[in-house]
Amino acid sequence: MAGGVAAEGGGGGGEGSTSSEATINAAERYMKEVMETFGDQEEKLVMFREIMNDFRTERTDIAGVVGRVKELFKGHNNLIEGFNFFLPKGYEITVDKHQPPPETLEFIRYLI
């Protein structure tokens, strides 16, 4: 499914598929990548923390988390795909690799 959430097979792995130490290390690497990407955009970092907190406190479900992460990280497929590690086994975020980044679309619109 291009650009969606697959609920069968592959994907995720956050639930018990790795040791706690490996999971913590992966989370730290992922957060470092997020912070390097959005270090100058504090609002994105705050929004990401809110998404994760809402999921942890069960204010949103997996589909809600996936939708919000995809929107927040739009144009950063590496972050979207990297988030798969934290999804429960059986879930996977897919991205449409043929869609140009948002900046490219804005530039094209500017030229037209």
N, C-alpha and C. Protein backbone atom coordinates (compact mmCIF):
# COMPACT_ATOMS: atom_id res chain seq x y z
N MET A 1 0.85 -1.17 0.00
CA MET A 1 0.00 0.00 0.00
C MET A 1 0.90 1.23 0.00
N ALA A 2 0.89 2.01 -1.06
CA ALA A 2 1.75 3.18 -1.15
C ALA A 2 1.24 4.28 -0.24
N GLY A 3 2.13 4.76 0.61
CA GLY A 3 1.80 5.88 1.47
C GLY A 3 0.84 5.57 2.59
N GLY A 4 0.68 4.30 2.96
CA GLY A 4 -0.29 3.96 3.98
C GLY A 4 0.30 3.20 5.13
N VAL A 5 -0.55 2.45 5.81
CA VAL A 5 -0.14 1.64 6.94
C VAL A 5 -0.48 0.20 6.61
N ALA A 6 0.51 -0.66 6.62
CA ALA A 6 0.26 -2.07 6.41
C ALA A 6 0.10 -2.70 7.78
N ALA A 7 -0.96 -3.46 7.98
CA ALA A 7 -1.20 -4.05 9.29
C ALA A 7 -0.90 -5.54 9.30
N GLU A 8 -0.26 -6.05 8.28
CA GLU A 8 0.12 -7.45 8.27
C GLU A 8 1.55 -7.58 7.82
N GLY A 9 2.22 -8.61 8.34
CA GLY A 9 3.58 -8.90 7.91
C GLY A 9 4.55 -7.81 8.27
N GLY A 10 5.80 -8.00 7.90
CA GLY A 10 6.90 -7.05 8.01
C GLY A 10 6.76 -6.00 9.08
N GLY A 11 7.35 -4.88 8.80
CA GLY A 11 7.18 -3.70 9.60
C GLY A 11 7.71 -3.77 10.99
N GLY A 12 7.13 -2.99 11.81
CA GLY A 12 7.44 -2.79 13.20
C GLY A 12 8.46 -3.69 13.83
N GLY A 13 8.36 -3.82 15.06
CA GLY A 13 9.31 -4.61 15.77
C GLY A 13 9.54 -4.08 17.17
N GLY A 14 8.86 -3.02 17.52
CA GLY A 14 9.06 -2.43 18.82
C GLY A 14 8.65 -3.32 19.96
N GLU A 15 7.70 -4.22 19.77
CA GLU A 15 7.18 -5.05 20.85
C GLU A 15 7.93 -6.35 20.98
N GLY A 16 9.00 -6.36 21.73
CA GLY A 16 9.66 -7.59 22.07
C GLY A 16 10.52 -8.21 20.99
N SER A 17 10.72 -7.56 19.87
CA SER A 17 11.52 -8.19 18.84
C SER A 17 13.01 -7.94 19.04
N THR A 18 13.37 -7.06 19.96
CA THR A 18 14.76 -6.79 20.26
C THR A 18 14.92 -6.70 21.76
N SER A 19 16.16 -6.74 22.22
CA SER A 19 16.38 -6.58 23.66
C SER A 19 16.10 -5.13 24.06
N SER A 20 15.90 -4.92 25.35
CA SER A 20 15.63 -3.56 25.83
C SER A 20 16.78 -2.63 25.51
N GLU A 21 18.00 -3.10 25.69
CA GLU A 21 19.16 -2.25 25.42
C GLU A 21 19.23 -1.86 23.95
N ALA A 22 18.98 -2.80 23.06
CA ALA A 22 18.99 -2.50 21.62
C ALA A 22 17.87 -1.52 21.28
N THR A 23 16.73 -1.68 21.90
CA THR A 23 15.61 -0.78 21.66
C THR A 23 15.94 0.63 22.14
N ILE A 24 16.55 0.73 23.30
CA ILE A 24 16.94 2.04 23.83
C ILE A 24 17.97 2.69 22.91
N ASN A 25 18.95 1.92 22.46
CA ASN A 25 19.97 2.46 21.55
C ASN A 25 19.35 2.93 20.24
N ALA A 26 18.41 2.15 19.71
CA ALA A 26 17.74 2.53 18.46
C ALA A 26 16.93 3.80 18.67
N ALA A 27 16.24 3.91 19.81
CA ALA A 27 15.45 5.10 20.10
C ALA A 27 16.35 6.33 20.21
N GLU A 28 17.49 6.16 20.86
CA GLU A 28 18.43 7.29 20.98
C GLU A 28 18.96 7.71 19.62
N ARG A 29 19.30 6.75 18.76
CA ARG A 29 19.79 7.09 17.42
C ARG A 29 18.71 7.79 16.61
N TYR A 30 17.49 7.30 16.72
CA TYR A 30 16.38 7.89 15.98
C TYR A 30 16.12 9.32 16.45
N MET A 31 16.09 9.52 17.76
CA MET A 31 15.86 10.87 18.30
C MET A 31 16.99 11.81 17.89
N LYS A 32 18.22 11.30 17.84
CA LYS A 32 19.34 12.13 17.40
C LYS A 32 19.12 12.57 15.95
N GLU A 33 18.66 11.63 15.12
CA GLU A 33 18.39 11.97 13.72
C GLU A 33 17.26 12.99 13.60
N VAL A 34 16.21 12.81 14.39
CA VAL A 34 15.10 13.77 14.39
C VAL A 34 15.61 15.14 14.83
N MET A 35 16.40 15.19 15.87
CA MET A 35 16.90 16.47 16.39
C MET A 35 17.86 17.14 15.40
N GLU A 36 18.67 16.35 14.72
CA GLU A 36 19.58 16.92 13.72
C GLU A 36 18.79 17.49 12.55
N THR A 37 17.71 16.82 12.19
CA THR A 37 16.90 17.26 11.06
C THR A 37 16.10 18.52 11.42
N PHE A 38 15.54 18.55 12.62
CA PHE A 38 14.65 19.65 13.01
C PHE A 38 15.17 20.47 14.18
N GLY A 39 16.48 20.48 14.37
CA GLY A 39 17.07 21.21 15.50
C GLY A 39 16.72 22.68 15.53
N ASP A 40 16.48 23.26 14.37
CA ASP A 40 16.15 24.68 14.31
C ASP A 40 14.64 24.92 14.25
N GLN A 41 13.86 23.84 14.40
CA GLN A 41 12.40 23.93 14.35
C GLN A 41 11.81 23.31 15.62
N GLU A 42 11.93 24.03 16.70
CA GLU A 42 11.50 23.54 18.01
C GLU A 42 10.05 23.04 17.99
N GLU A 43 9.18 23.72 17.22
CA GLU A 43 7.76 23.31 17.20
C GLU A 43 7.60 21.88 16.68
N LYS A 44 8.44 21.45 15.74
CA LYS A 44 8.35 20.07 15.24
C LYS A 44 8.76 19.08 16.33
N LEU A 45 9.79 19.42 17.08
CA LEU A 45 10.23 18.54 18.17
C LEU A 45 9.16 18.43 19.24
N VAL A 46 8.53 19.55 19.57
CA VAL A 46 7.46 19.55 20.57
C VAL A 46 6.28 18.72 20.07
N MET A 47 5.92 18.89 18.80
CA MET A 47 4.80 18.13 18.24
C MET A 47 5.10 16.63 18.26
N PHE A 48 6.33 16.25 17.96
CA PHE A 48 6.70 14.83 17.98
C PHE A 48 6.56 14.27 19.39
N ARG A 49 7.04 15.02 20.39
CA ARG A 49 6.90 14.56 21.78
C ARG A 49 5.42 14.43 22.16
N GLU A 50 4.59 15.35 21.68
CA GLU A 50 3.15 15.28 21.98
C GLU A 50 2.53 14.04 21.35
N ILE A 51 2.92 13.72 20.13
CA ILE A 51 2.40 12.52 19.45
C ILE A 51 2.75 11.29 20.28
N MET A 52 4.01 11.19 20.69
CA MET A 52 4.45 10.02 21.44
C MET A 52 3.76 9.95 22.80
N ASN A 53 3.59 11.08 23.44
CA ASN A 53 2.92 11.11 24.74
C ASN A 53 1.45 10.72 24.61
N ASP A 54 0.79 11.20 23.55
CA ASP A 54 -0.61 10.85 23.32
C ASP A 54 -0.77 9.35 23.11
N PHE A 55 0.19 8.74 22.44
CA PHE A 55 0.12 7.29 22.23
C PHE A 55 0.38 6.55 23.55
N ARG A 56 1.39 6.99 24.27
CA ARG A 56 1.74 6.34 25.54
C ARG A 56 0.58 6.38 26.52
N THR A 57 -0.15 7.50 26.54
CA THR A 57 -1.26 7.65 27.47
C THR A 57 -2.60 7.21 26.87
N GLU A 58 -2.53 6.57 25.71
CA GLU A 58 -3.69 6.00 25.02
C GLU A 58 -4.73 7.04 24.62
N ARG A 59 -4.28 8.26 24.34
CA ARG A 59 -5.18 9.28 23.81
C ARG A 59 -5.34 9.16 22.31
N THR A 60 -4.47 8.36 21.69
CA THR A 60 -4.56 8.09 20.26
C THR A 60 -4.14 6.65 20.01
N ASP A 61 -4.60 6.10 18.89
CA ASP A 61 -4.25 4.73 18.55
C ASP A 61 -3.11 4.71 17.54
N ILE A 62 -2.72 3.52 17.10
CA ILE A 62 -1.60 3.38 16.17
C ILE A 62 -1.87 4.13 14.87
N ALA A 63 -3.07 4.01 14.35
CA ALA A 63 -3.40 4.71 13.11
C ALA A 63 -3.26 6.22 13.28
N GLY A 64 -3.67 6.74 14.42
CA GLY A 64 -3.53 8.17 14.70
C GLY A 64 -2.08 8.60 14.77
N VAL A 65 -1.25 7.78 15.43
CA VAL A 65 0.18 8.07 15.52
C VAL A 65 0.80 8.07 14.13
N VAL A 66 0.49 7.05 13.35
CA VAL A 66 1.06 6.93 12.01
C VAL A 66 0.70 8.15 11.15
N GLY A 67 -0.57 8.53 11.16
CA GLY A 67 -1.00 9.68 10.37
C GLY A 67 -0.31 10.96 10.78
N ARG A 68 -0.19 11.16 12.08
CA ARG A 68 0.45 12.38 12.57
C ARG A 68 1.94 12.40 12.30
N VAL A 69 2.61 11.25 12.44
CA VAL A 69 4.05 11.17 12.15
C VAL A 69 4.30 11.42 10.67
N LYS A 70 3.47 10.82 9.81
CA LYS A 70 3.65 11.03 8.36
C LYS A 70 3.47 12.49 7.99
N GLU A 71 2.52 13.15 8.59
CA GLU A 71 2.28 14.56 8.28
C GLU A 71 3.42 15.43 8.84
N LEU A 72 3.83 15.16 10.06
CA LEU A 72 4.88 15.95 10.70
C LEU A 72 6.21 15.83 9.96
N PHE A 73 6.52 14.62 9.50
CA PHE A 73 7.81 14.36 8.85
C PHE A 73 7.70 14.32 7.33
N LYS A 74 6.64 14.88 6.79
CA LYS A 74 6.44 14.88 5.34
C LYS A 74 7.69 15.40 4.63
N GLY A 75 8.12 14.66 3.61
CA GLY A 75 9.32 15.04 2.86
C GLY A 75 10.60 14.48 3.45
N HIS A 76 10.50 13.82 4.59
CA HIS A 76 11.66 13.21 5.26
C HIS A 76 11.39 11.70 5.39
N ASN A 77 11.42 11.03 4.25
CA ASN A 77 11.08 9.60 4.23
C ASN A 77 11.96 8.77 5.15
N ASN A 78 13.21 9.18 5.33
CA ASN A 78 14.09 8.44 6.23
C ASN A 78 13.55 8.42 7.66
N LEU A 79 12.96 9.54 8.10
CA LEU A 79 12.39 9.59 9.45
C LEU A 79 11.08 8.81 9.51
N ILE A 80 10.28 8.92 8.46
CA ILE A 80 9.01 8.19 8.43
C ILE A 80 9.28 6.68 8.45
N GLU A 81 10.18 6.23 7.60
CA GLU A 81 10.48 4.80 7.55
C GLU A 81 11.20 4.34 8.81
N GLY A 82 12.04 5.19 9.38
CA GLY A 82 12.74 4.84 10.61
C GLY A 82 11.80 4.65 11.78
N PHE A 83 10.65 5.31 11.73
CA PHE A 83 9.67 5.19 12.80
C PHE A 83 9.08 3.78 12.87
N ASN A 84 9.17 3.02 11.79
CA ASN A 84 8.64 1.66 11.77
C ASN A 84 9.20 0.80 12.90
N PHE A 85 10.43 1.05 13.30
CA PHE A 85 11.05 0.26 14.36
C PHE A 85 10.23 0.30 15.64
N PHE A 86 9.56 1.41 15.88
CA PHE A 86 8.84 1.60 17.13
C PHE A 86 7.39 1.14 17.09
N LEU A 87 6.92 0.77 15.92
CA LEU A 87 5.53 0.30 15.80
C LEU A 87 5.44 -1.16 16.24
N PRO A 88 4.29 -1.54 16.77
CA PRO A 88 4.10 -2.94 17.15
C PRO A 88 4.27 -3.86 15.94
N LYS A 89 4.70 -5.06 16.21
CA LYS A 89 4.88 -6.06 15.16
C LYS A 89 3.59 -6.18 14.35
N GLY A 90 3.75 -6.19 13.03
CA GLY A 90 2.61 -6.30 12.15
C GLY A 90 2.16 -4.98 11.54
N TYR A 91 2.73 -3.87 12.01
CA TYR A 91 2.39 -2.56 11.46
C TYR A 91 3.61 -1.99 10.76
N GLU A 92 3.35 -1.25 9.68
CA GLU A 92 4.44 -0.63 8.94
C GLU A 92 3.93 0.61 8.22
N ILE A 93 4.68 1.70 8.32
CA ILE A 93 4.37 2.89 7.55
C ILE A 93 5.06 2.73 6.21
N THR A 94 4.31 2.96 5.15
CA THR A 94 4.91 2.95 3.83
C THR A 94 4.83 4.36 3.26
N VAL A 95 5.78 4.69 2.43
CA VAL A 95 5.80 6.01 1.81
C VAL A 95 5.81 5.86 0.31
N ASP A 96 5.25 6.85 -0.36
CA ASP A 96 5.24 6.87 -1.82
C ASP A 96 6.56 7.47 -2.27
N LYS A 97 7.47 6.62 -2.71
CA LYS A 97 8.81 7.07 -3.08
C LYS A 97 8.82 7.85 -4.38
N HIS A 98 7.74 7.82 -5.13
CA HIS A 98 7.69 8.52 -6.40
C HIS A 98 7.18 9.95 -6.27
N GLN A 99 6.75 10.32 -5.08
CA GLN A 99 6.24 11.67 -4.86
C GLN A 99 7.41 12.58 -4.49
N PRO A 100 7.59 13.69 -5.21
CA PRO A 100 8.68 14.60 -4.89
C PRO A 100 8.47 15.25 -3.53
N PRO A 101 9.57 15.66 -2.88
CA PRO A 101 9.44 16.34 -1.59
C PRO A 101 8.61 17.61 -1.72
N PRO A 102 7.97 18.05 -0.63
CA PRO A 102 7.11 19.24 -0.68
C PRO A 102 7.83 20.48 -1.22
N GLU A 103 9.13 20.62 -0.88
CA GLU A 103 9.87 21.80 -1.34
C GLU A 103 9.92 21.82 -2.87
N THR A 104 10.07 20.65 -3.50
CA THR A 104 10.12 20.57 -4.95
C THR A 104 8.79 21.00 -5.55
N LEU A 105 7.70 20.55 -4.96
CA LEU A 105 6.37 20.93 -5.46
C LEU A 105 6.15 22.44 -5.33
N GLU A 106 6.58 23.02 -4.22
CA GLU A 106 6.44 24.47 -4.05
C GLU A 106 7.24 25.22 -5.09
N PHE A 107 8.45 24.75 -5.39
CA PHE A 107 9.30 25.40 -6.37
C PHE A 107 8.66 25.31 -7.76
N ILE A 108 8.10 24.15 -8.09
CA ILE A 108 7.45 23.97 -9.39
C ILE A 108 6.26 24.91 -9.49
N ARG A 109 5.46 25.01 -8.43
CA ARG A 109 4.32 25.93 -8.44
C ARG A 109 4.77 27.37 -8.61
N TYR A 110 5.90 27.71 -8.02
CA TYR A 110 6.44 29.06 -8.14
C TYR A 110 6.82 29.37 -9.58
N LEU A 111 7.38 28.36 -10.27
CA LEU A 111 7.79 28.55 -11.67
C LEU A 111 6.63 28.70 -12.61
N ILE A 112 5.50 28.09 -12.28
CA ILE A 112 4.35 28.09 -13.18
C ILE A 112 3.61 29.37 -13.14
